[in-house]
N, C-alpha and C. Protein backbone atom coordinates (compact mmCIF):
# COMPACT_ATOMS: atom_id res chain seq x y z
N MET A 1 30.43 -65.64 -3.17
CA MET A 1 31.72 -65.54 -3.52
C MET A 1 32.49 -65.16 -2.28
N ALA A 2 33.56 -65.74 -1.79
CA ALA A 2 34.31 -65.31 -0.22
C ALA A 2 35.14 -64.56 -0.86
N LEU A 3 35.44 -63.09 0.01
CA LEU A 3 36.68 -62.47 -0.23
C LEU A 3 37.61 -62.65 0.62
N THR A 4 38.89 -62.19 0.49
CA THR A 4 39.95 -62.86 1.39
C THR A 4 40.27 -62.48 2.85
N ASP A 5 39.15 -61.05 3.12
CA ASP A 5 39.23 -60.83 4.31
C ASP A 5 38.03 -61.26 5.21
N GLY A 6 37.38 -62.42 4.77
CA GLY A 6 36.32 -63.43 5.31
C GLY A 6 34.84 -62.91 4.99
N ARG A 7 34.48 -62.10 4.37
CA ARG A 7 33.39 -61.64 4.13
C ARG A 7 33.16 -61.99 2.89
N ALA A 8 31.70 -62.30 2.56
CA ALA A 8 31.07 -63.04 1.39
C ALA A 8 30.35 -61.73 0.58
N VAL A 9 30.48 -62.09 -0.57
CA VAL A 9 29.57 -61.51 -1.53
C VAL A 9 28.53 -61.85 -2.16
N VAL A 10 27.18 -61.13 -2.06
CA VAL A 10 25.89 -62.03 -2.68
C VAL A 10 25.19 -60.90 -3.38
N PRO A 11 24.69 -61.23 -4.25
CA PRO A 11 23.66 -60.24 -5.27
C PRO A 11 22.35 -60.05 -4.42
N ALA A 12 21.82 -58.89 -4.41
CA ALA A 12 20.44 -58.57 -3.75
C ALA A 12 19.92 -57.48 -4.59
N GLU A 13 18.82 -57.45 -4.45
CA GLU A 13 18.03 -56.34 -5.10
C GLU A 13 17.65 -55.08 -4.14
N VAL A 14 18.10 -53.89 -4.08
CA VAL A 14 17.98 -52.74 -2.98
C VAL A 14 17.33 -51.84 -3.96
N SER A 15 16.16 -51.32 -3.68
CA SER A 15 15.48 -50.24 -3.81
C SER A 15 15.30 -50.40 -5.44
N GLY A 16 14.99 -51.57 -5.99
CA GLY A 16 14.64 -52.26 -7.60
C GLY A 16 15.69 -52.08 -8.18
N ARG A 17 17.20 -51.71 -7.50
CA ARG A 17 18.57 -52.07 -8.59
C ARG A 17 19.25 -53.10 -8.02
N LYS A 18 19.75 -53.75 -8.96
CA LYS A 18 20.88 -54.72 -8.45
C LYS A 18 22.05 -54.37 -7.71
N ARG A 19 22.48 -54.90 -6.71
CA ARG A 19 23.50 -54.63 -6.13
C ARG A 19 24.36 -55.71 -5.34
N LEU A 20 25.76 -55.64 -5.45
CA LEU A 20 26.55 -56.63 -4.70
C LEU A 20 26.60 -56.07 -3.37
N MET A 21 26.67 -57.22 -2.38
CA MET A 21 26.41 -56.64 -1.48
C MET A 21 27.56 -57.64 -0.52
N ALA A 22 28.13 -57.04 0.57
CA ALA A 22 29.15 -57.54 1.71
C ALA A 22 28.33 -58.09 2.65
N VAL A 23 28.67 -59.28 3.18
CA VAL A 23 27.55 -59.78 4.13
C VAL A 23 29.17 -60.49 5.09
N GLU A 24 28.86 -59.98 6.30
CA GLU A 24 29.98 -60.19 7.59
C GLU A 24 29.07 -61.05 8.43
N ARG A 25 29.68 -62.24 9.22
CA ARG A 25 28.90 -62.75 10.48
C ARG A 25 28.37 -61.62 11.58
N GLY A 26 27.04 -61.67 11.79
CA GLY A 26 26.45 -60.82 13.21
C GLY A 26 26.26 -59.25 12.58
N GLN A 27 26.43 -58.51 11.41
CA GLN A 27 26.38 -57.37 10.59
C GLN A 27 25.09 -57.60 9.77
N ASP A 28 25.02 -56.49 9.38
CA ASP A 28 23.74 -56.35 8.19
C ASP A 28 24.73 -55.95 7.04
N PRO A 29 23.99 -56.96 5.97
CA PRO A 29 24.37 -56.48 4.61
C PRO A 29 25.09 -55.35 4.47
N VAL A 30 25.66 -54.94 3.37
CA VAL A 30 26.07 -53.66 3.13
C VAL A 30 26.52 -53.20 1.66
N PRO A 31 26.48 -52.34 0.95
CA PRO A 31 26.91 -52.26 -0.76
C PRO A 31 28.34 -52.43 -0.21
N LEU A 32 28.89 -53.37 -1.47
CA LEU A 32 30.02 -53.72 -1.69
C LEU A 32 30.89 -52.67 -2.27
N ILE A 33 30.12 -51.81 -3.15
CA ILE A 33 30.95 -50.98 -4.09
C ILE A 33 30.38 -49.32 -3.92
N ASN A 34 31.29 -48.44 -4.05
CA ASN A 34 30.70 -47.11 -3.54
C ASN A 34 30.34 -46.75 -4.80
N THR A 35 29.20 -46.72 -5.31
CA THR A 35 28.63 -46.26 -6.94
C THR A 35 26.84 -46.41 -7.01
N PRO A 36 26.34 -45.41 -7.23
CA PRO A 36 25.11 -45.36 -7.24
C PRO A 36 24.64 -46.16 -8.33
N GLU A 37 25.49 -47.07 -9.11
CA GLU A 37 25.19 -47.42 -10.42
C GLU A 37 24.73 -49.17 -10.13
N GLU A 38 23.93 -50.04 -10.94
CA GLU A 38 23.90 -51.31 -10.75
C GLU A 38 25.29 -51.94 -10.49
N THR A 39 25.51 -53.02 -9.32
CA THR A 39 26.74 -53.74 -9.79
C THR A 39 25.87 -55.14 -9.60
N ALA A 40 26.42 -56.12 -10.26
CA ALA A 40 25.75 -57.95 -10.41
C ALA A 40 26.94 -58.19 -11.13
N ALA A 41 26.57 -60.21 -10.59
CA ALA A 41 27.07 -61.00 -11.23
C ALA A 41 26.85 -60.86 -12.67
N PRO A 42 27.73 -61.18 -13.30
CA PRO A 42 28.97 -62.20 -13.05
C PRO A 42 30.11 -61.32 -12.19
N ASP A 43 30.90 -62.05 -11.11
CA ASP A 43 31.79 -61.13 -10.53
C ASP A 43 32.72 -62.30 -10.07
N THR A 44 34.30 -61.72 -9.78
CA THR A 44 35.45 -62.80 -9.43
C THR A 44 36.09 -61.98 -8.68
N VAL A 45 36.82 -62.85 -7.76
CA VAL A 45 37.98 -61.91 -7.23
C VAL A 45 39.17 -62.16 -7.98
N VAL A 46 39.77 -60.89 -8.04
CA VAL A 46 41.08 -60.69 -8.75
C VAL A 46 42.07 -60.35 -7.68
N ALA A 47 43.17 -61.15 -7.90
CA ALA A 47 44.35 -60.86 -6.78
C ALA A 47 44.56 -59.81 -5.84
N GLY A 48 44.72 -60.54 -4.61
CA GLY A 48 44.71 -59.37 -3.52
C GLY A 48 43.10 -59.15 -3.12
N ASN A 49 42.66 -57.57 -3.23
CA ASN A 49 41.54 -57.06 -2.49
C ASN A 49 40.59 -56.54 -3.57
N ARG A 50 40.91 -56.96 -4.66
CA ARG A 50 40.11 -56.32 -5.96
C ARG A 50 39.07 -57.66 -6.38
N ILE A 51 37.90 -57.12 -6.80
CA ILE A 51 36.85 -57.72 -7.46
C ILE A 51 36.27 -57.43 -8.87
N ALA A 52 36.14 -58.32 -9.86
CA ALA A 52 35.69 -57.86 -11.11
C ALA A 52 33.92 -57.91 -11.34
N PHE A 53 33.55 -57.27 -11.96
CA PHE A 53 32.10 -57.44 -11.84
C PHE A 53 31.17 -56.65 -13.13
N ALA A 54 30.11 -57.02 -13.17
CA ALA A 54 29.38 -56.12 -14.22
C ALA A 54 28.84 -55.32 -13.61
N ILE A 55 28.92 -54.24 -14.31
CA ILE A 55 28.67 -52.98 -13.82
C ILE A 55 27.58 -52.24 -15.07
N GLY A 56 26.56 -51.23 -14.13
CA GLY A 56 25.32 -50.35 -15.33
C GLY A 56 24.25 -51.51 -15.42
N PRO A 57 23.26 -50.72 -16.20
CA PRO A 57 21.97 -51.32 -16.26
C PRO A 57 22.06 -52.43 -17.44
N GLU A 58 21.09 -53.63 -17.06
CA GLU A 58 21.15 -54.63 -18.06
C GLU A 58 20.95 -54.04 -19.36
N PRO A 59 21.37 -54.63 -20.36
CA PRO A 59 22.40 -55.40 -20.48
C PRO A 59 23.71 -55.44 -19.83
N HIS A 60 24.21 -56.24 -19.21
CA HIS A 60 25.39 -56.07 -18.49
C HIS A 60 26.50 -56.29 -19.34
N GLU A 61 27.50 -55.26 -20.16
CA GLU A 61 28.35 -55.38 -20.99
C GLU A 61 29.54 -55.06 -20.86
N THR A 62 29.50 -54.07 -19.95
CA THR A 62 30.61 -53.64 -19.15
C THR A 62 31.16 -54.20 -18.04
N ILE A 63 32.46 -54.07 -17.75
CA ILE A 63 33.31 -55.02 -16.46
C ILE A 63 33.67 -54.03 -15.42
N ALA A 64 33.30 -53.98 -14.48
CA ALA A 64 34.65 -53.07 -13.42
C ALA A 64 35.04 -53.62 -12.43
N ILE A 65 36.62 -53.01 -11.93
CA ILE A 65 37.49 -53.69 -11.10
C ILE A 65 37.10 -52.73 -9.90
N ALA A 66 37.53 -52.98 -8.48
CA ALA A 66 37.27 -52.42 -7.51
C ALA A 66 38.21 -52.94 -6.29
N ASP A 67 38.44 -51.90 -5.68
CA ASP A 67 39.16 -52.54 -4.39
C ASP A 67 38.05 -52.61 -3.26
N THR A 68 38.34 -54.16 -2.75
CA THR A 68 37.07 -54.70 -1.68
C THR A 68 37.20 -54.26 -0.56
N SER A 69 38.45 -53.28 0.02
CA SER A 69 38.56 -52.61 1.17
C SER A 69 37.86 -51.18 1.54
N ASN A 70 37.62 -50.77 -0.10
CA ASN A 70 37.08 -49.21 0.11
C ASN A 70 35.93 -49.21 -0.77
N GLY A 71 35.77 -50.01 -1.44
CA GLY A 71 34.94 -50.00 -2.82
C GLY A 71 34.74 -49.20 -3.61
N CYS A 72 35.87 -48.44 -3.89
CA CYS A 72 36.14 -47.68 -4.89
C CYS A 72 36.56 -48.46 -6.00
N ILE A 73 35.92 -47.70 -7.29
CA ILE A 73 36.25 -48.36 -8.82
C ILE A 73 37.41 -47.85 -9.33
N SER A 74 38.27 -48.50 -9.82
CA SER A 74 39.41 -48.27 -10.19
C SER A 74 39.70 -48.55 -12.04
N GLY A 75 38.76 -49.17 -12.68
CA GLY A 75 38.67 -49.16 -13.94
C GLY A 75 37.69 -49.80 -14.33
N ARG A 76 37.12 -49.33 -15.66
CA ARG A 76 35.93 -50.34 -16.51
C ARG A 76 36.56 -50.54 -17.66
N ILE A 77 35.83 -51.86 -17.95
CA ILE A 77 36.35 -52.36 -19.49
C ILE A 77 34.87 -52.77 -19.93
N SER A 78 34.77 -52.23 -21.37
CA SER A 78 33.90 -52.36 -22.11
C SER A 78 34.58 -53.08 -23.18
N PRO A 79 34.48 -54.46 -23.40
CA PRO A 79 34.99 -55.39 -24.36
C PRO A 79 34.61 -55.42 -25.56
N GLY A 80 32.92 -55.01 -25.64
CA GLY A 80 31.93 -54.71 -26.84
C GLY A 80 31.65 -56.22 -27.24
N LYS A 81 31.64 -57.53 -26.55
CA LYS A 81 31.50 -58.88 -27.21
C LYS A 81 30.33 -59.03 -26.96
N GLY A 82 29.38 -58.55 -26.36
CA GLY A 82 28.05 -58.82 -26.07
C GLY A 82 27.69 -59.00 -24.37
N ILE A 83 26.47 -59.58 -24.19
CA ILE A 83 26.04 -59.75 -22.70
C ILE A 83 27.53 -60.62 -21.96
N LEU A 84 27.67 -60.66 -20.72
CA LEU A 84 28.61 -61.07 -19.97
C LEU A 84 27.92 -62.12 -19.31
N GLN A 85 28.24 -63.57 -19.55
CA GLN A 85 27.86 -64.29 -19.03
C GLN A 85 28.67 -65.07 -17.49
N SER A 86 29.68 -64.66 -17.77
CA SER A 86 30.30 -65.58 -16.84
C SER A 86 31.73 -64.74 -16.87
N LEU A 87 32.51 -64.86 -15.39
CA LEU A 87 33.77 -64.06 -15.50
C LEU A 87 34.68 -64.61 -14.41
N ALA A 88 35.89 -64.86 -14.39
CA ALA A 88 37.10 -65.34 -13.72
C ALA A 88 38.21 -64.76 -13.99
N ALA A 89 39.28 -64.73 -13.03
CA ALA A 89 40.61 -64.23 -13.39
C ALA A 89 41.64 -65.13 -13.20
N SER A 90 42.71 -64.74 -13.96
CA SER A 90 44.33 -65.36 -13.49
C SER A 90 44.76 -65.57 -12.28
N PRO A 91 45.58 -66.37 -11.84
CA PRO A 91 45.72 -65.91 -10.30
C PRO A 91 46.64 -64.90 -9.91
N ASP A 92 47.37 -64.52 -10.75
CA ASP A 92 48.09 -62.82 -10.65
C ASP A 92 47.25 -61.98 -10.48
N GLY A 93 45.83 -61.89 -11.47
CA GLY A 93 44.88 -60.99 -11.58
C GLY A 93 45.19 -60.34 -12.85
N GLY A 94 46.25 -60.56 -13.40
CA GLY A 94 46.70 -59.51 -14.83
C GLY A 94 45.55 -60.10 -15.92
N THR A 95 44.98 -60.89 -15.89
CA THR A 95 43.96 -60.94 -17.05
C THR A 95 42.73 -61.78 -16.43
N LEU A 96 41.52 -61.05 -17.24
CA LEU A 96 40.31 -61.72 -16.94
C LEU A 96 39.65 -62.66 -18.21
N TYR A 97 38.77 -63.53 -17.53
CA TYR A 97 38.25 -64.44 -18.74
C TYR A 97 36.95 -64.16 -18.76
N PHE A 98 35.87 -64.22 -19.83
CA PHE A 98 34.50 -64.14 -19.78
C PHE A 98 34.12 -65.06 -21.22
N THR A 99 32.82 -65.33 -20.73
CA THR A 99 31.70 -65.49 -21.96
C THR A 99 30.88 -64.45 -22.14
N ALA A 100 30.86 -64.27 -23.67
CA ALA A 100 29.78 -63.27 -23.83
C ALA A 100 29.71 -63.38 -25.51
N GLY A 101 28.41 -63.41 -25.98
CA GLY A 101 28.30 -63.29 -27.72
C GLY A 101 28.59 -65.09 -28.09
N GLY A 102 28.75 -66.17 -27.14
CA GLY A 102 28.93 -67.40 -27.59
C GLY A 102 30.31 -67.82 -27.77
N SER A 103 31.15 -67.01 -26.98
CA SER A 103 32.61 -67.46 -26.97
C SER A 103 33.15 -66.83 -25.69
N VAL A 104 34.56 -67.86 -25.71
CA VAL A 104 34.91 -67.38 -24.23
C VAL A 104 36.31 -66.29 -24.51
N TRP A 105 36.30 -65.12 -23.77
CA TRP A 105 37.30 -64.11 -24.19
C TRP A 105 38.26 -64.19 -23.03
N SER A 106 39.79 -63.70 -23.23
CA SER A 106 40.45 -62.87 -22.19
C SER A 106 41.18 -61.96 -22.71
N ILE A 107 41.12 -60.71 -21.77
CA ILE A 107 41.24 -59.30 -21.57
C ILE A 107 41.99 -58.92 -20.60
N PRO A 108 43.55 -58.29 -20.72
CA PRO A 108 44.00 -57.81 -19.75
C PRO A 108 43.18 -57.17 -18.72
N SER A 109 43.48 -57.20 -17.43
CA SER A 109 42.15 -56.55 -16.35
C SER A 109 42.65 -55.19 -16.43
N ALA A 110 44.02 -54.82 -16.80
CA ALA A 110 43.94 -53.22 -17.11
C ALA A 110 43.55 -52.65 -18.13
N GLY A 111 43.03 -53.52 -19.28
CA GLY A 111 42.11 -52.72 -20.26
C GLY A 111 42.92 -53.26 -21.49
N GLY A 112 42.24 -53.32 -22.66
CA GLY A 112 42.81 -53.12 -23.73
C GLY A 112 41.91 -54.36 -24.76
N GLU A 113 42.48 -55.05 -25.62
CA GLU A 113 41.55 -55.50 -26.44
C GLU A 113 41.06 -57.01 -25.96
N ALA A 114 40.22 -57.51 -26.59
CA ALA A 114 39.74 -59.10 -25.79
C ALA A 114 40.34 -59.90 -27.16
N SER A 115 40.71 -61.17 -26.63
CA SER A 115 41.27 -62.07 -27.34
C SER A 115 40.46 -63.48 -27.38
N LYS A 116 39.58 -63.51 -28.55
CA LYS A 116 38.54 -64.65 -28.53
C LYS A 116 39.81 -66.30 -27.98
N ILE A 117 39.11 -67.04 -26.99
CA ILE A 117 39.63 -68.23 -26.69
C ILE A 117 39.41 -69.27 -27.52
N CYS A 118 37.73 -69.43 -27.69
CA CYS A 118 37.06 -70.51 -28.36
C CYS A 118 35.62 -70.40 -28.31
N THR A 119 35.04 -71.09 -29.01
CA THR A 119 33.49 -70.67 -29.17
C THR A 119 32.71 -71.90 -28.58
N VAL A 120 31.66 -71.51 -27.88
CA VAL A 120 31.22 -72.17 -26.60
C VAL A 120 29.59 -72.57 -27.10
N THR A 121 29.30 -73.69 -26.26
CA THR A 121 27.66 -74.25 -26.85
C THR A 121 27.22 -74.51 -25.35
N GLY A 122 25.97 -74.27 -25.34
CA GLY A 122 24.92 -74.99 -24.39
C GLY A 122 24.93 -73.58 -23.46
N TRP A 123 23.83 -73.59 -22.39
CA TRP A 123 23.69 -72.79 -21.67
C TRP A 123 24.91 -72.17 -20.76
N TRP A 124 25.83 -72.90 -20.08
CA TRP A 124 26.95 -72.71 -19.21
C TRP A 124 27.76 -71.91 -20.27
N GLY A 125 28.04 -72.13 -21.50
CA GLY A 125 29.25 -71.90 -21.97
C GLY A 125 30.49 -72.70 -21.81
N ILE A 126 30.09 -74.01 -21.63
CA ILE A 126 31.22 -74.83 -21.50
C ILE A 126 31.44 -75.47 -22.81
N PRO A 127 32.47 -75.69 -23.60
CA PRO A 127 32.62 -76.50 -24.94
C PRO A 127 32.81 -77.82 -24.86
N ARG A 128 32.13 -77.92 -25.75
CA ARG A 128 31.84 -79.58 -26.09
C ARG A 128 32.89 -80.41 -25.89
N ALA A 129 33.22 -81.60 -25.57
CA ALA A 129 34.17 -82.62 -25.57
C ALA A 129 34.85 -82.60 -27.01
N GLY A 130 36.18 -82.42 -26.99
CA GLY A 130 36.54 -83.13 -28.63
C GLY A 130 36.46 -81.73 -29.45
N ARG A 131 36.10 -80.73 -28.98
CA ARG A 131 36.49 -79.39 -29.92
C ARG A 131 37.42 -78.23 -29.70
């Protein structure tokens, strides 16, 4: 995933822990988020210089939001809908969309209750045509 500042975010295993790393041309990869916790995909850019991602040990069920310029976590969301399979954000960053527990959900990026959008089928969580 590409950040607005030109860096790329890649998952890596560092000292036995999953970490999201920032990669910049000509530089060594560095942890993107300032935390000792595991940070992992799914991840998505949220409007401006923010990123949403899975945080904590597996199974990944908690979403964190952090500032990519300083790596500080500004919020956590535990929707309670199961293991996160995918994650996306609305263009204005106000809503996060995720798949978990066989459904697509939306939740305000500031936190709150998740709303079910639809039930999904298949490995990638893509709704079948006509349903």
